[in-house]
Amino acid sequence: MDKNYVGSIRLSQIIERKLYFLLNNDISPWDGDNADKGERDALQSMLSDSKELTEKQFESKYKTELSKLKDRFENKEYSVEDNDDYYESFNNTLVSILELLNPVNLYDLSDD
């Protein structure tokens, strides 16, 4: 049994757990054509950055990414070939991880 306190869990561990579950769970098995490729790609990118960036750099990078996605959707800057499910899943995953760092990120995604 693990005797580590919950407070000792790092963001990278949480992201690793989410990624592992996405790819290895029995509830909704990963099949490679999954609409959640956006979630996978977001988690992989954020996992790498969680080990290399400061909190401020991390938040800034992904708030900027969310802003670009928002502008892209609002201006309809995508082609017929684009997969809306991919980008929606990618976007939602970024928001869910940013919200863990600071709950205001769910509502205020402006880059400080």
Protein backbone atom coordinates (compact mmCIF):
# COMPACT_ATOMS: atom_id res chain seq x y z
CA MET A 1 0.00 0.00 0.00
CA ASP A 2 1.31 3.43 -0.93
CA LYS A 3 2.05 5.57 2.11
CA ASN A 4 2.75 8.80 0.23
CA TYR A 5 0.55 11.75 1.10
CA VAL A 6 -1.74 13.06 -1.60
CA GLY A 7 0.05 16.40 -1.32
CA SER A 8 3.22 14.81 -2.68
CA ILE A 9 1.63 13.97 -6.06
CA ARG A 10 3.11 16.00 -8.92
CA LEU A 11 1.16 17.31 -11.90
CA SER A 12 3.24 15.07 -14.16
CA GLN A 13 2.01 12.03 -12.21
CA ILE A 14 -1.61 13.07 -12.63
CA ILE A 15 -1.10 13.55 -16.36
CA GLU A 16 0.69 10.18 -16.59
CA ARG A 17 -2.25 8.50 -14.85
CA LYS A 18 -4.79 10.14 -17.17
CA LEU A 19 -2.75 9.12 -20.22
CA TYR A 20 -2.27 5.57 -18.97
CA PHE A 21 -5.99 5.22 -18.29
CA LEU A 22 -6.91 6.62 -21.70
CA LEU A 23 -4.68 4.13 -23.48
CA ASN A 24 -5.08 1.06 -21.25
CA ASN A 25 -8.50 0.96 -19.63
CA ASP A 26 -11.04 -1.84 -20.09
CA ILE A 27 -14.07 0.46 -19.98
CA SER A 28 -13.46 2.10 -23.34
CA PRO A 29 -10.49 0.34 -24.95
CA TRP A 30 -8.18 2.37 -27.15
CA ASP A 31 -8.41 1.23 -30.76
CA GLY A 32 -6.15 3.70 -32.57
CA ASP A 33 -9.08 5.31 -34.39
CA ASN A 34 -10.44 6.72 -31.19
CA ALA A 35 -11.93 10.21 -31.35
CA ASP A 36 -9.86 10.91 -28.23
CA LYS A 37 -6.60 11.22 -30.14
CA GLY A 38 -6.84 14.91 -29.30
CA GLU A 39 -6.86 14.04 -25.60
CA ARG A 40 -3.89 11.72 -26.06
CA ASP A 41 -1.88 14.32 -27.96
CA ALA A 42 -2.68 17.05 -25.44
CA LEU A 43 -1.72 14.83 -22.50
CA GLN A 44 1.54 13.75 -24.14
CA SER A 45 2.51 17.34 -24.86
CA MET A 46 1.54 18.55 -21.39
CA LEU A 47 3.35 15.64 -19.74
CA SER A 48 6.58 16.54 -21.47
CA ASP A 49 6.19 20.23 -20.66
CA SER A 50 5.22 19.54 -17.03
CA LYS A 51 8.73 18.23 -16.49
CA GLU A 52 10.51 21.11 -18.22
CA LEU A 53 8.53 24.35 -17.77
CA THR A 54 7.77 26.48 -14.74
CA GLU A 55 4.15 26.80 -13.70
CA LYS A 56 3.92 30.25 -15.27
CA GLN A 57 5.52 29.08 -18.53
CA PHE A 58 3.26 26.04 -18.64
CA GLU A 59 0.09 28.06 -18.10
CA SER A 60 1.17 30.70 -20.59
CA LYS A 61 1.97 28.14 -23.30
CA TYR A 62 -1.35 26.34 -23.02
CA LYS A 63 -3.46 29.47 -22.58
CA THR A 64 -1.88 30.71 -25.82
CA GLU A 65 -2.71 27.37 -27.46
CA LEU A 66 -6.33 27.65 -26.27
CA SER A 67 -6.54 31.19 -27.59
CA LYS A 68 -5.33 30.02 -31.01
CA LEU A 69 -7.88 27.20 -31.04
CA LYS A 70 -10.65 29.60 -30.03
CA ASP A 71 -9.71 32.05 -32.80
CA ARG A 72 -9.51 29.20 -35.28
CA PHE A 73 -13.01 28.01 -34.43
CA GLU A 74 -14.53 31.50 -34.29
CA ASN A 75 -13.02 32.45 -37.65
CA LYS A 76 -13.84 29.04 -39.12
CA GLU A 77 -10.21 28.60 -40.17
CA TYR A 78 -10.39 24.89 -40.80
CA SER A 79 -10.96 22.71 -43.78
CA VAL A 80 -13.44 19.94 -44.39
CA GLU A 81 -10.65 17.45 -43.69
CA ASP A 82 -10.17 18.77 -40.15
CA ASN A 83 -11.50 16.58 -37.40
CA ASP A 84 -13.64 18.70 -35.08
CA ASP A 85 -13.77 15.90 -32.48
CA TYR A 86 -9.97 15.88 -32.31
CA TYR A 87 -9.70 19.62 -31.69
CA GLU A 88 -12.58 19.65 -29.22
CA SER A 89 -11.00 16.82 -27.22
CA PHE A 90 -7.57 18.50 -27.41
CA ASN A 91 -9.09 21.78 -26.20
CA ASN A 92 -11.07 20.19 -23.37
CA THR A 93 -8.02 18.31 -22.12
CA LEU A 94 -5.92 21.48 -22.02
CA VAL A 95 -8.64 23.22 -20.01
CA SER A 96 -9.02 20.31 -17.57
CA ILE A 97 -5.30 20.24 -16.76
CA LEU A 98 -5.02 24.04 -16.53
CA GLU A 99 -8.00 24.00 -14.17
CA LEU A 100 -6.05 21.69 -11.84
CA LEU A 101 -3.34 24.35 -11.56
CA ASN A 102 -5.79 27.16 -10.93
CA PRO A 103 -9.60 26.82 -11.04
CA VAL A 104 -9.95 30.29 -12.58
CA ASN A 105 -8.43 28.81 -15.75
CA LEU A 106 -11.78 27.20 -16.43
CA TYR A 107 -13.24 30.68 -16.94
CA ASP A 108 -10.38 33.11 -17.60
CA LEU A 109 -8.04 31.84 -20.26
CA SER A 110 -6.39 35.17 -20.99
CA ASP A 111 -2.61 35.03 -20.85
CA ASP A 112 -1.31 37.05 -17.90
